[in-house]
Amino acid sequence: MLRARFREERALQRGGLKGETEPCRRLQLPIFPDGLASITEDLAFERKDGKVVYFPGLLPVFQHDEKDLKSFRMPPLRQRAQALLDEGKSVPEVSREIGVAGDTLRKAIGAGRLHAFRKKR
């Protein structure tokens, strides 16, 4: 009985039970209101012209398109690694700075989760 209930719950999480033609998935978050909104006392975001910009204090630190859920869900460590790669740092430098193995970063770059610029020779 417990096993059947577990299978039923997993099927619902995947989009429905057998025989259902339409999945039961609804996007609820993120919702970005127009203008500036405070998340915490020190962190705010602003939605303007289809872009969402995050402000920890006065300076913007990260931005993404309003519809870009992949960037919204990017973990902070990956954001930091991407920011360092965007600054032109090499994979070994980034791996030392954030404390992740270089092979892990290379795999993420190869899989398309991170993007590194190649230096011209």
C-alpha atoms as a PDB file:
ATOM      1  CA  MET A   1       0.000   0.000   0.000  1.00  0.00           C
ATOM      2  CA  LEU A   2       2.773   2.413   0.903  1.00  0.00           C
ATOM      3  CA  ARG A   3       4.677   1.521  -2.252  1.00  0.00           C
ATOM      4  CA  ALA A   4       1.617   2.231  -4.441  1.00  0.00           C
ATOM      5  CA  ARG A   5       1.079   5.565  -2.729  1.00  0.00           C
ATOM      6  CA  PHE A   6       4.723   6.481  -3.312  1.00  0.00           C
ATOM      7  CA  ARG A   7       4.421   5.573  -7.026  1.00  0.00           C
ATOM      8  CA  GLU A   8       1.296   7.717  -7.264  1.00  0.00           C
ATOM      9  CA  GLU A   9       3.029  10.707  -5.668  1.00  0.00           C
ATOM     10  CA  ARG A  10       6.049  10.332  -7.988  1.00  0.00           C
ATOM     11  CA  ALA A  11       3.751  10.123 -11.014  1.00  0.00           C
ATOM     12  CA  LEU A  12       2.021  13.324  -9.937  1.00  0.00           C
ATOM     13  CA  GLN A  13       5.374  15.062  -9.554  1.00  0.00           C
ATOM     14  CA  ARG A  14       6.358  13.960 -13.055  1.00  0.00           C
ATOM     15  CA  GLY A  15       3.246  15.427 -14.580  1.00  0.00           C
ATOM     16  CA  GLY A  16       0.306  13.146 -14.003  1.00  0.00           C
ATOM     17  CA  LEU A  17      -0.910   9.598 -13.631  1.00  0.00           C
ATOM     18  CA  LYS A  18      -1.131   7.054 -16.451  1.00  0.00           C
ATOM     19  CA  GLY A  19      -3.984   7.785 -18.775  1.00  0.00           C
ATOM     20  CA  GLU A  20      -3.853  11.529 -18.287  1.00  0.00           C
ATOM     21  CA  THR A  21      -3.003  13.359 -21.470  1.00  0.00           C
ATOM     22  CA  GLU A  22      -2.123  16.758 -20.045  1.00  0.00           C
ATOM     23  CA  PRO A  23       0.499  17.259 -17.312  1.00  0.00           C
ATOM     24  CA  CYS A  24      -0.496  19.161 -14.211  1.00  0.00           C
ATOM     25  CA  ARG A  25       2.474  21.565 -14.108  1.00  0.00           C
ATOM     26  CA  ARG A  26       1.999  25.220 -13.299  1.00  0.00           C
ATOM     27  CA  LEU A  27       4.650  27.866 -13.035  1.00  0.00           C
ATOM     28  CA  GLN A  28       4.085  29.837  -9.847  1.00  0.00           C
ATOM     29  CA  LEU A  29       7.433  31.487  -9.231  1.00  0.00           C
ATOM     30  CA  PRO A  30       9.270  33.704 -10.018  1.00  0.00           C
ATOM     31  CA  ILE A  31       6.940  36.680 -10.070  1.00  0.00           C
ATOM     32  CA  PHE A  32       8.665  40.019 -10.610  1.00  0.00           C
ATOM     33  CA  PRO A  33       6.515  43.135 -10.071  1.00  0.00           C
ATOM     34  CA  ASP A  34       7.281  46.319 -12.013  1.00  0.00           C
ATOM     35  CA  GLY A  35       9.776  48.709 -10.468  1.00  0.00           C
ATOM     36  CA  LEU A  36      12.020  48.263  -7.464  1.00  0.00           C
ATOM     37  CA  ALA A  37      11.157  45.670  -4.796  1.00  0.00           C
ATOM     38  CA  SER A  38      12.969  44.767  -1.594  1.00  0.00           C
ATOM     39  CA  ILE A  39      13.770  41.102  -0.879  1.00  0.00           C
ATOM     40  CA  THR A  40      15.533  41.696   2.425  1.00  0.00           C
ATOM     41  CA  GLU A  41      16.846  44.767   4.198  1.00  0.00           C
ATOM     42  CA  ASP A  42      20.075  44.575   2.190  1.00  0.00           C
ATOM     43  CA  LEU A  43      18.927  43.029  -1.106  1.00  0.00           C
ATOM     44  CA  ALA A  44      16.526  44.374  -3.732  1.00  0.00           C
ATOM     45  CA  PHE A  45      15.674  43.774  -7.372  1.00  0.00           C
ATOM     46  CA  GLU A  46      14.226  45.871 -10.155  1.00  0.00           C
ATOM     47  CA  ARG A  47      12.258  44.758 -13.193  1.00  0.00           C
ATOM     48  CA  LYS A  48      12.475  47.136 -16.106  1.00  0.00           C
ATOM     49  CA  ASP A  49      12.152  46.582 -19.860  1.00  0.00           C
ATOM     50  CA  GLY A  50      12.048  42.782 -19.527  1.00  0.00           C
ATOM     51  CA  LYS A  51      15.234  42.599 -17.409  1.00  0.00           C
ATOM     52  CA  VAL A  52      15.588  41.809 -13.702  1.00  0.00           C
ATOM     53  CA  VAL A  53      18.560  43.403 -11.916  1.00  0.00           C
ATOM     54  CA  TYR A  54      19.643  42.522  -8.357  1.00  0.00           C
ATOM     55  CA  PHE A  55      21.089  45.140  -5.980  1.00  0.00           C
ATOM     56  CA  PRO A  56      22.851  44.190  -2.729  1.00  0.00           C
ATOM     57  CA  GLY A  57      23.192  47.783  -1.602  1.00  0.00           C
ATOM     58  CA  LEU A  58      23.649  50.397  -4.321  1.00  0.00           C
ATOM     59  CA  LEU A  59      25.445  48.643  -7.183  1.00  0.00           C
ATOM     60  CA  PRO A  60      23.870  46.056  -9.506  1.00  0.00           C
ATOM     61  CA  VAL A  61      25.544  42.644  -9.297  1.00  0.00           C
ATOM     62  CA  PHE A  62      23.501  40.276 -11.471  1.00  0.00           C
ATOM     63  CA  GLN A  63      20.864  40.573 -14.158  1.00  0.00           C
ATOM     64  CA  HIS A  64      18.815  38.208 -16.304  1.00  0.00           C
ATOM     65  CA  ASP A  65      15.883  38.330 -18.694  1.00  0.00           C
ATOM     66  CA  GLU A  66      12.493  38.200 -17.038  1.00  0.00           C
ATOM     67  CA  LYS A  67      11.620  34.932 -18.809  1.00  0.00           C
ATOM     68  CA  ASP A  68      15.035  33.299 -18.307  1.00  0.00           C
ATOM     69  CA  LEU A  69      14.308  30.748 -15.578  1.00  0.00           C
ATOM     70  CA  LYS A  70      17.668  29.015 -16.020  1.00  0.00           C
ATOM     71  CA  SER A  71      19.562  32.095 -14.860  1.00  0.00           C
ATOM     72  CA  PHE A  72      17.075  32.696 -12.055  1.00  0.00           C
ATOM     73  CA  ARG A  73      17.690  29.197 -10.710  1.00  0.00           C
ATOM     74  CA  MET A  74      21.486  29.308 -11.070  1.00  0.00           C
ATOM     75  CA  PRO A  75      23.139  28.475  -7.725  1.00  0.00           C
ATOM     76  CA  PRO A  76      25.303  31.218  -6.175  1.00  0.00           C
ATOM     77  CA  LEU A  77      28.550  29.235  -6.541  1.00  0.00           C
ATOM     78  CA  ARG A  78      27.960  28.810 -10.268  1.00  0.00           C
ATOM     79  CA  GLN A  79      27.107  32.525 -10.525  1.00  0.00           C
ATOM     80  CA  ARG A  80      30.414  33.383  -8.863  1.00  0.00           C
ATOM     81  CA  ALA A  81      32.330  31.024 -11.151  1.00  0.00           C
ATOM     82  CA  GLN A  82      30.648  32.511 -14.228  1.00  0.00           C
ATOM     83  CA  ALA A  83      31.405  36.054 -13.058  1.00  0.00           C
ATOM     84  CA  LEU A  84      35.088  35.186 -12.617  1.00  0.00           C
ATOM     85  CA  LEU A  85      35.221  33.519 -16.038  1.00  0.00           C
ATOM     86  CA  ASP A  86      33.570  36.608 -17.543  1.00  0.00           C
ATOM     87  CA  GLU A  87      36.360  38.721 -16.028  1.00  0.00           C
ATOM     88  CA  GLY A  88      38.809  36.721 -18.140  1.00  0.00           C
ATOM     89  CA  LYS A  89      40.278  34.522 -15.422  1.00  0.00           C
ATOM     90  CA  SER A  90      41.451  31.048 -16.387  1.00  0.00           C
ATOM     91  CA  VAL A  91      39.831  27.829 -15.205  1.00  0.00           C
ATOM     92  CA  PRO A  92      42.672  27.019 -12.745  1.00  0.00           C
ATOM     93  CA  GLU A  93      42.462  30.543 -11.256  1.00  0.00           C
ATOM     94  CA  VAL A  94      38.691  30.276 -10.828  1.00  0.00           C
ATOM     95  CA  SER A  95      38.930  26.792  -9.332  1.00  0.00           C
ATOM     96  CA  ARG A  96      41.471  27.979  -6.737  1.00  0.00           C
ATOM     97  CA  GLU A  97      39.426  31.056  -5.869  1.00  0.00           C
ATOM     98  CA  ILE A  98      36.076  29.297  -5.328  1.00  0.00           C
ATOM     99  CA  GLY A  99      37.510  26.019  -4.008  1.00  0.00           C
ATOM    100  CA  VAL A 100      36.204  23.655  -6.704  1.00  0.00           C
ATOM    101  CA  ALA A 101      38.255  21.141  -8.679  1.00  0.00           C
ATOM    102  CA  GLY A 102      39.344  22.310 -12.115  1.00  0.00           C
ATOM    103  CA  ASP A 103      37.893  19.162 -13.718  1.00  0.00           C
ATOM    104  CA  THR A 104      34.483  20.036 -12.287  1.00  0.00           C
ATOM    105  CA  LEU A 105      34.627  23.468 -13.914  1.00  0.00           C
ATOM    106  CA  ARG A 106      35.799  22.007 -17.229  1.00  0.00           C
ATOM    107  CA  LYS A 107      32.899  19.534 -17.180  1.00  0.00           C
ATOM    108  CA  ALA A 108      30.421  22.346 -16.467  1.00  0.00           C
ATOM    109  CA  ILE A 109      31.881  24.346 -19.359  1.00  0.00           C
ATOM    110  CA  GLY A 110      31.724  21.311 -21.643  1.00  0.00           C
ATOM    111  CA  ALA A 111      28.096  20.653 -20.669  1.00  0.00           C
ATOM    112  CA  GLY A 112      27.156  24.272 -21.354  1.00  0.00           C
ATOM    113  CA  ARG A 113      26.313  25.181 -17.751  1.00  0.00           C
ATOM    114  CA  LEU A 114      29.220  27.665 -17.717  1.00  0.00           C
ATOM    115  CA  HIS A 115      30.734  29.657 -20.565  1.00  0.00           C
ATOM    116  CA  ALA A 116      34.435  30.481 -20.784  1.00  0.00           C
ATOM    117  CA  PHE A 117      36.107  32.791 -23.254  1.00  0.00           C
ATOM    118  CA  ARG A 118      39.094  31.368 -25.066  1.00  0.00           C
ATOM    119  CA  LYS A 119      42.113  33.622 -25.269  1.00  0.00           C
ATOM    120  CA  LYS A 120      43.423  34.355 -28.757  1.00  0.00           C
ATOM    121  CA  ARG A 121      46.999  33.248 -29.329  1.00  0.00           C
END
